[in-house]
Amino acid sequence: MEKIDSLDKKILGIISANARLPFKDVAAECGVSRAAIHQRVQRLIDMGVIVGSGFHVNPVSLGYNTCTYVGITLE
């Protein structure tokens, strides 16, 4: 497995706080090019360090007041 260096950790910290931040802003904060950020993020995805990004919807705002967890055991 490849090593995670200090720049990778800094990038992860920034995009963990705001995944919608443009790469140019991440690059400016890290002092590297946008291409470097793109390559680093893609490598982190390929390594399985970054496993997804997306939006989280507040179910209460949609009128759902109950949350249910269901466990199923299959043989």
PDB file of N, CA and C in Angstrom:
ATOM      1  N   MET A   1       0.837  -1.183   0.000  1.00  0.00           N
ATOM      2  CA  MET A   1       0.000   0.000   0.000  1.00  0.00           C
ATOM      3  C   MET A   1       0.882   1.247   0.000  1.00  0.00           C
ATOM      4  N   GLU A   2       0.476   2.220  -0.773  1.00  0.00           N
ATOM      5  CA  GLU A   2       1.237   3.461  -0.849  1.00  0.00           C
ATOM      6  C   GLU A   2       1.098   4.255   0.447  1.00  0.00           C
ATOM      7  N   LYS A   3       2.088   5.083   0.698  1.00  0.00           N
ATOM      8  CA  LYS A   3       2.098   5.901   1.910  1.00  0.00           C
ATOM      9  C   LYS A   3       1.251   7.164   1.716  1.00  0.00           C
ATOM     10  N   ILE A   4       0.678   7.622   2.805  1.00  0.00           N
ATOM     11  CA  ILE A   4      -0.042   8.894   2.841  1.00  0.00           C
ATOM     12  C   ILE A   4       0.920   9.916   3.437  1.00  0.00           C
ATOM     13  N   ASP A   5       1.231  10.974   2.682  1.00  0.00           N
ATOM     14  CA  ASP A   5       2.162  11.977   3.194  1.00  0.00           C
ATOM     15  C   ASP A   5       1.405  13.171   3.776  1.00  0.00           C
ATOM     16  N   SER A   6       2.154  14.169   4.209  1.00  0.00           N
ATOM     17  CA  SER A   6       1.542  15.324   4.875  1.00  0.00           C
ATOM     18  C   SER A   6       0.635  16.114   3.935  1.00  0.00           C
ATOM     19  N   LEU A   7       0.986  16.187   2.647  1.00  0.00           N
ATOM     20  CA  LEU A   7       0.122  16.884   1.690  1.00  0.00           C
ATOM     21  C   LEU A   7      -1.196  16.133   1.519  1.00  0.00           C
ATOM     22  N   ASP A   8      -1.126  14.803   1.425  1.00  0.00           N
ATOM     23  CA  ASP A   8      -2.354  14.006   1.337  1.00  0.00           C
ATOM     24  C   ASP A   8      -3.240  14.264   2.555  1.00  0.00           C
ATOM     25  N   LYS A   9      -2.641  14.292   3.736  1.00  0.00           N
ATOM     26  CA  LYS A   9      -3.402  14.522   4.966  1.00  0.00           C
ATOM     27  C   LYS A   9      -4.039  15.908   4.968  1.00  0.00           C
ATOM     28  N   LYS A  10      -3.299  16.890   4.463  1.00  0.00           N
ATOM     29  CA  LYS A  10      -3.841  18.250   4.400  1.00  0.00           C
ATOM     30  C   LYS A  10      -5.015  18.301   3.430  1.00  0.00           C
ATOM     31  N   ILE A  11      -4.864  17.673   2.266  1.00  0.00           N
ATOM     32  CA  ILE A  11      -5.945  17.622   1.279  1.00  0.00           C
ATOM     33  C   ILE A  11      -7.168  16.938   1.878  1.00  0.00           C
ATOM     34  N   LEU A  12      -6.963  15.812   2.541  1.00  0.00           N
ATOM     35  CA  LEU A  12      -8.072  15.083   3.159  1.00  0.00           C
ATOM     36  C   LEU A  12      -8.783  15.933   4.209  1.00  0.00           C
ATOM     37  N   GLY A  13      -8.027  16.674   4.981  1.00  0.00           N
ATOM     38  CA  GLY A  13      -8.630  17.549   5.985  1.00  0.00           C
ATOM     39  C   GLY A  13      -9.500  18.624   5.358  1.00  0.00           C
ATOM     40  N   ILE A  14      -9.002  19.199   4.272  1.00  0.00           N
ATOM     41  CA  ILE A  14      -9.735  20.273   3.598  1.00  0.00           C
ATOM     42  C   ILE A  14     -11.007  19.739   2.953  1.00  0.00           C
ATOM     43  N   ILE A  15     -10.889  18.652   2.186  1.00  0.00           N
ATOM     44  CA  ILE A  15     -12.078  18.157   1.482  1.00  0.00           C
ATOM     45  C   ILE A  15     -13.043  17.437   2.419  1.00  0.00           C
ATOM     46  N   SER A  16     -12.555  16.980   3.570  1.00  0.00           N
ATOM     47  CA  SER A  16     -13.467  16.396   4.562  1.00  0.00           C
ATOM     48  C   SER A  16     -14.355  17.478   5.163  1.00  0.00           C
ATOM     49  N   ALA A  17     -13.804  18.661   5.330  1.00  0.00           N
ATOM     50  CA  ALA A  17     -14.570  19.777   5.881  1.00  0.00           C
ATOM     51  C   ALA A  17     -15.558  20.338   4.865  1.00  0.00           C
ATOM     52  N   ASN A  18     -15.184  20.316   3.575  1.00  0.00           N
ATOM     53  CA  ASN A  18     -16.054  20.851   2.525  1.00  0.00           C
ATOM     54  C   ASN A  18     -15.728  20.156   1.212  1.00  0.00           C
ATOM     55  N   ALA A  19     -16.447  19.087   0.909  1.00  0.00           N
ATOM     56  CA  ALA A  19     -16.180  18.302  -0.299  1.00  0.00           C
ATOM     57  C   ALA A  19     -16.532  19.050  -1.576  1.00  0.00           C
ATOM     58  N   ARG A  20     -17.288  20.126  -1.469  1.00  0.00           N
ATOM     59  CA  ARG A  20     -17.687  20.895  -2.651  1.00  0.00           C
ATOM     60  C   ARG A  20     -16.689  21.994  -3.005  1.00  0.00           C
ATOM     61  N   LEU A  21     -15.657  22.144  -2.218  1.00  0.00           N
ATOM     62  CA  LEU A  21     -14.650  23.170  -2.465  1.00  0.00           C
ATOM     63  C   LEU A  21     -13.926  22.866  -3.774  1.00  0.00           C
ATOM     64  N   PRO A  22     -13.848  23.837  -4.686  1.00  0.00           N
ATOM     65  CA  PRO A  22     -13.152  23.591  -5.963  1.00  0.00           C
ATOM     66  C   PRO A  22     -11.674  23.247  -5.747  1.00  0.00           C
ATOM     67  N   PHE A  23     -11.148  22.401  -6.630  1.00  0.00           N
ATOM     68  CA  PHE A  23      -9.743  22.007  -6.530  1.00  0.00           C
ATOM     69  C   PHE A  23      -8.811  23.210  -6.570  1.00  0.00           C
ATOM     70  N   LYS A  24      -9.186  24.278  -7.282  1.00  0.00           N
ATOM     71  CA  LYS A  24      -8.311  25.461  -7.339  1.00  0.00           C
ATOM     72  C   LYS A  24      -8.165  26.092  -5.957  1.00  0.00           C
ATOM     73  N   ASP A  25      -9.231  26.050  -5.148  1.00  0.00           N
ATOM     74  CA  ASP A  25      -9.153  26.593  -3.789  1.00  0.00           C
ATOM     75  C   ASP A  25      -8.336  25.683  -2.876  1.00  0.00           C
ATOM     76  N   VAL A  26      -8.503  24.377  -3.051  1.00  0.00           N
ATOM     77  CA  VAL A  26      -7.700  23.415  -2.285  1.00  0.00           C
ATOM     78  C   VAL A  26      -6.228  23.597  -2.650  1.00  0.00           C
ATOM     79  N   ALA A  27      -5.960  23.744  -3.949  1.00  0.00           N
ATOM     80  CA  ALA A  27      -4.589  23.924  -4.428  1.00  0.00           C
ATOM     81  C   ALA A  27      -3.965  25.189  -3.849  1.00  0.00           C
ATOM     82  N   ALA A  28      -4.733  26.274  -3.831  1.00  0.00           N
ATOM     83  CA  ALA A  28      -4.219  27.536  -3.293  1.00  0.00           C
ATOM     84  C   ALA A  28      -3.878  27.396  -1.810  1.00  0.00           C
ATOM     85  N   GLU A  29      -4.731  26.713  -1.070  1.00  0.00           N
ATOM     86  CA  GLU A  29      -4.478  26.531   0.367  1.00  0.00           C
ATOM     87  C   GLU A  29      -3.273  25.629   0.622  1.00  0.00           C
ATOM     88  N   CYS A  30      -3.046  24.669  -0.293  1.00  0.00           N
ATOM     89  CA  CYS A  30      -1.931  23.728  -0.127  1.00  0.00           C
ATOM     90  C   CYS A  30      -0.643  24.208  -0.784  1.00  0.00           C
ATOM     91  N   GLY A  31      -0.748  25.232  -1.629  1.00  0.00           N
ATOM     92  CA  GLY A  31       0.436  25.749  -2.303  1.00  0.00           C
ATOM     93  C   GLY A  31       0.929  24.878  -3.447  1.00  0.00           C
ATOM     94  N   VAL A  32       0.004  24.162  -4.103  1.00  0.00           N
ATOM     95  CA  VAL A  32       0.351  23.324  -5.255  1.00  0.00           C
ATOM     96  C   VAL A  32      -0.633  23.615  -6.387  1.00  0.00           C
ATOM     97  N   SER A  33      -0.433  22.978  -7.534  1.00  0.00           N
ATOM     98  CA  SER A  33      -1.302  23.214  -8.687  1.00  0.00           C
ATOM     99  C   SER A  33      -2.613  22.443  -8.569  1.00  0.00           C
ATOM    100  N   ARG A  34      -3.600  22.883  -9.360  1.00  0.00           N
ATOM    101  CA  ARG A  34      -4.874  22.153  -9.418  1.00  0.00           C
ATOM    102  C   ARG A  34      -4.657  20.736  -9.918  1.00  0.00           C
ATOM    103  N   ALA A  35      -3.756  20.585 -10.883  1.00  0.00           N
ATOM    104  CA  ALA A  35      -3.466  19.250 -11.430  1.00  0.00           C
ATOM    105  C   ALA A  35      -2.920  18.332 -10.338  1.00  0.00           C
ATOM    106  N   ALA A  36      -2.072  18.873  -9.474  1.00  0.00           N
ATOM    107  CA  ALA A  36      -1.515  18.065  -8.381  1.00  0.00           C
ATOM    108  C   ALA A  36      -2.622  17.604  -7.439  1.00  0.00           C
ATOM    109  N   ILE A  37      -3.569  18.490  -7.144  1.00  0.00           N
ATOM    110  CA  ILE A  37      -4.692  18.118  -6.271  1.00  0.00           C
ATOM    111  C   ILE A  37      -5.528  17.044  -6.941  1.00  0.00           C
ATOM    112  N   HIS A  38      -5.822  17.230  -8.212  1.00  0.00           N
ATOM    113  CA  HIS A  38      -6.622  16.243  -8.950  1.00  0.00           C
ATOM    114  C   HIS A  38      -5.943  14.877  -8.930  1.00  0.00           C
ATOM    115  N   GLN A  39      -4.646  14.850  -9.201  1.00  0.00           N
ATOM    116  CA  GLN A  39      -3.905  13.587  -9.210  1.00  0.00           C
ATOM    117  C   GLN A  39      -3.873  12.951  -7.823  1.00  0.00           C
ATOM    118  N   ARG A  40      -3.676  13.759  -6.804  1.00  0.00           N
ATOM    119  CA  ARG A  40      -3.625  13.232  -5.434  1.00  0.00           C
ATOM    120  C   ARG A  40      -4.980  12.653  -5.020  1.00  0.00           C
ATOM    121  N   VAL A  41      -6.054  13.393  -5.312  1.00  0.00           N
ATOM    122  CA  VAL A  41      -7.394  12.918  -4.946  1.00  0.00           C
ATOM    123  C   VAL A  41      -7.711  11.627  -5.691  1.00  0.00           C
ATOM    124  N   GLN A  42      -7.379  11.570  -6.978  1.00  0.00           N
ATOM    125  CA  GLN A  42      -7.640  10.349  -7.746  1.00  0.00           C
ATOM    126  C   GLN A  42      -6.850   9.170  -7.179  1.00  0.00           C
ATOM    127  N   ARG A  43      -5.612   9.411  -6.783  1.00  0.00           N
ATOM    128  CA  ARG A  43      -4.793   8.352  -6.182  1.00  0.00           C
ATOM    129  C   ARG A  43      -5.400   7.884  -4.859  1.00  0.00           C
ATOM    130  N   LEU A  44      -5.895   8.820  -4.065  1.00  0.00           N
ATOM    131  CA  LEU A  44      -6.527   8.467  -2.790  1.00  0.00           C
ATOM    132  C   LEU A  44      -7.811   7.670  -3.011  1.00  0.00           C
ATOM    133  N   ILE A  45      -8.533   7.976  -4.073  1.00  0.00           N
ATOM    134  CA  ILE A  45      -9.723   7.190  -4.438  1.00  0.00           C
ATOM    135  C   ILE A  45      -9.295   5.787  -4.851  1.00  0.00           C
ATOM    136  N   ASP A  46      -8.290   5.704  -5.713  1.00  0.00           N
ATOM    137  CA  ASP A  46      -7.800   4.402  -6.193  1.00  0.00           C
ATOM    138  C   ASP A  46      -7.279   3.535  -5.046  1.00  0.00           C
ATOM    139  N   MET A  47      -6.694   4.175  -4.027  1.00  0.00           N
ATOM    140  CA  MET A  47      -6.159   3.455  -2.870  1.00  0.00           C
ATOM    141  C   MET A  47      -7.258   3.028  -1.897  1.00  0.00           C
ATOM    142  N   GLY A  48      -8.457   3.557  -2.082  1.00  0.00           N
ATOM    143  CA  GLY A  48      -9.546   3.237  -1.168  1.00  0.00           C
ATOM    144  C   GLY A  48      -9.586   4.113   0.070  1.00  0.00           C
ATOM    145  N   VAL A  49      -8.768   5.162   0.092  1.00  0.00           N
ATOM    146  CA  VAL A  49      -8.774   6.090   1.223  1.00  0.00           C
ATOM    147  C   VAL A  49     -10.037   6.949   1.169  1.00  0.00           C
ATOM    148  N   ILE A  50     -10.333   7.476  -0.017  1.00  0.00           N
ATOM    149  CA  ILE A  50     -11.582   8.201  -0.240  1.00  0.00           C
ATOM    150  C   ILE A  50     -12.548   7.196  -0.850  1.00  0.00           C
ATOM    151  N   VAL A  51     -13.672   6.987  -0.187  1.00  0.00           N
ATOM    152  CA  VAL A  51     -14.604   5.952  -0.647  1.00  0.00           C
ATOM    153  C   VAL A  51     -15.908   6.517  -1.187  1.00  0.00           C
ATOM    154  N   GLY A  52     -16.054   7.808  -1.206  1.00  0.00           N
ATOM    155  CA  GLY A  52     -17.271   8.373  -1.772  1.00  0.00           C
ATOM    156  C   GLY A  52     -17.430   9.825  -1.389  1.00  0.00           C
ATOM    157  N   SER A  53     -18.334  10.452  -2.059  1.00  0.00           N
ATOM    158  CA  SER A  53     -18.721  11.816  -1.720  1.00  0.00           C
ATOM    159  C   SER A  53     -20.159  11.977  -2.162  1.00  0.00           C
ATOM    160  N   GLY A  54     -20.854  12.832  -1.524  1.00  0.00           N
ATOM    161  CA  GLY A  54     -22.251  13.010  -1.891  1.00  0.00           C
ATOM    162  C   GLY A  54     -22.946  13.966  -0.954  1.00  0.00           C
ATOM    163  N   PHE A  55     -24.249  13.964  -1.056  1.00  0.00           N
ATOM    164  CA  PHE A  55     -25.072  14.849  -0.251  1.00  0.00           C
ATOM    165  C   PHE A  55     -25.855  14.028   0.756  1.00  0.00           C
ATOM    166  N   HIS A  56     -26.023  14.564   1.925  1.00  0.00           N
ATOM    167  CA  HIS A  56     -26.831  13.934   2.962  1.00  0.00           C
ATOM    168  C   HIS A  56     -28.114  14.746   3.093  1.00  0.00           C
ATOM    169  N   VAL A  57     -29.245  14.077   2.963  1.00  0.00           N
ATOM    170  CA  VAL A  57     -30.541  14.735   3.041  1.00  0.00           C
ATOM    171  C   VAL A  57     -31.097  14.575   4.450  1.00  0.00           C
ATOM    172  N   ASN A  58     -31.636  15.654   4.993  1.00  0.00           N
ATOM    173  CA  ASN A  58     -32.264  15.626   6.308  1.00  0.00           C
ATOM    174  C   ASN A  58     -33.662  15.033   6.159  1.00  0.00           C
ATOM    175  N   PRO A  59     -33.904  13.813   6.652  1.00  0.00           N
ATOM    176  CA  PRO A  59     -35.207  13.174   6.465  1.00  0.00           C
ATOM    177  C   PRO A  59     -36.352  13.924   7.139  1.00  0.00           C
ATOM    178  N   VAL A  60     -36.082  14.630   8.222  1.00  0.00           N
ATOM    179  CA  VAL A  60     -37.130  15.388   8.908  1.00  0.00           C
ATOM    180  C   VAL A  60     -37.666  16.493   7.998  1.00  0.00           C
ATOM    181  N   SER A  61     -36.781  17.111   7.213  1.00  0.00           N
ATOM    182  CA  SER A  61     -37.224  18.176   6.313  1.00  0.00           C
ATOM    183  C   SER A  61     -38.144  17.650   5.214  1.00  0.00           C
ATOM    184  N   LEU A  62     -38.132  16.339   4.992  1.00  0.00           N
ATOM    185  CA  LEU A  62     -39.013  15.715   4.002  1.00  0.00           C
ATOM    186  C   LEU A  62     -40.276  15.141   4.638  1.00  0.00           C
ATOM    187  N   GLY A  63     -40.411  15.339   5.934  1.00  0.00           N
ATOM    188  CA  GLY A  63     -41.609  14.876   6.617  1.00  0.00           C
ATOM    189  C   GLY A  63     -41.486  13.503   7.254  1.00  0.00           C
ATOM    190  N   TYR A  64     -40.300  12.906   7.231  1.00  0.00           N
ATOM    191  CA  TYR A  64     -40.096  11.606   7.870  1.00  0.00           C
ATOM    192  C   TYR A  64     -39.721  11.831   9.332  1.00  0.00           C
ATOM    193  N   ASN A  65     -40.522  11.282  10.237  1.00  0.00           N
ATOM    194  CA  ASN A  65     -40.290  11.503  11.662  1.00  0.00           C
ATOM    195  C   ASN A  65     -39.750  10.275  12.377  1.00  0.00           C
ATOM    196  N   THR A  66     -39.679   9.151  11.689  1.00  0.00           N
ATOM    197  CA  THR A  66     -39.240   7.906  12.304  1.00  0.00           C
ATOM    198  C   THR A  66     -38.064   7.337  11.523  1.00  0.00           C
ATOM    199  N   CYS A  67     -37.085   6.849  12.253  1.00  0.00           N
ATOM    200  CA  CYS A  67     -35.942   6.183  11.631  1.00  0.00           C
ATOM    201  C   CYS A  67     -35.943   4.738  12.110  1.00  0.00           C
ATOM    202  N   THR A  68     -35.848   3.812  11.189  1.00  0.00           N
ATOM    203  CA  THR A  68     -35.883   2.396  11.535  1.00  0.00           C
ATOM    204  C   THR A  68     -34.657   1.696  10.971  1.00  0.00           C
ATOM    205  N   TYR A  69     -34.058   0.846  11.780  1.00  0.00           N
ATOM    206  CA  TYR A  69     -32.951   0.013  11.337  1.00  0.00           C
ATOM    207  C   TYR A  69     -33.433  -1.427  11.334  1.00  0.00           C
ATOM    208  N   VAL A  70     -33.170  -2.131  10.267  1.00  0.00           N
ATOM    209  CA  VAL A  70     -33.606  -3.519  10.139  1.00  0.00           C
ATOM    210  C   VAL A  70     -32.373  -4.385   9.931  1.00  0.00           C
ATOM    211  N   GLY A  71     -32.257  -5.429  10.720  1.00  0.00           N
ATOM    212  CA  GLY A  71     -31.158  -6.374  10.555  1.00  0.00           C
ATOM    213  C   GLY A  71     -31.693  -7.695  10.035  1.00  0.00           C
ATOM    214  N   ILE A  72     -31.001  -8.256   9.066  1.00  0.00           N
ATOM    215  CA  ILE A  72     -31.410  -9.529   8.473  1.00  0.00           C
ATOM    216  C   ILE A  72     -30.212 -10.462   8.486  1.00  0.00           C
ATOM    217  N   THR A  73     -30.414 -11.684   8.935  1.00  0.00           N
ATOM    218  CA  THR A  73     -29.375 -12.701   8.895  1.00  0.00           C
ATOM    219  C   THR A  73     -29.792 -13.765   7.892  1.00  0.00           C
ATOM    220  N   LEU A  74     -28.953 -14.008   6.902  1.00  0.00           N
ATOM    221  CA  LEU A  74     -29.231 -15.012   5.875  1.00  0.00           C
ATOM    222  C   LEU A  74     -28.281 -16.180   6.026  1.00  0.00           C
ATOM    223  N   GLU A  75     -28.784 -17.356   5.734  1.00  0.00           N
ATOM    224  CA  GLU A  75     -27.926 -18.544   5.785  1.00  0.00           C
ATOM    225  C   GLU A  75     -27.581 -18.990   4.386  1.00  0.00           C
TER     226      GLU A  75
END
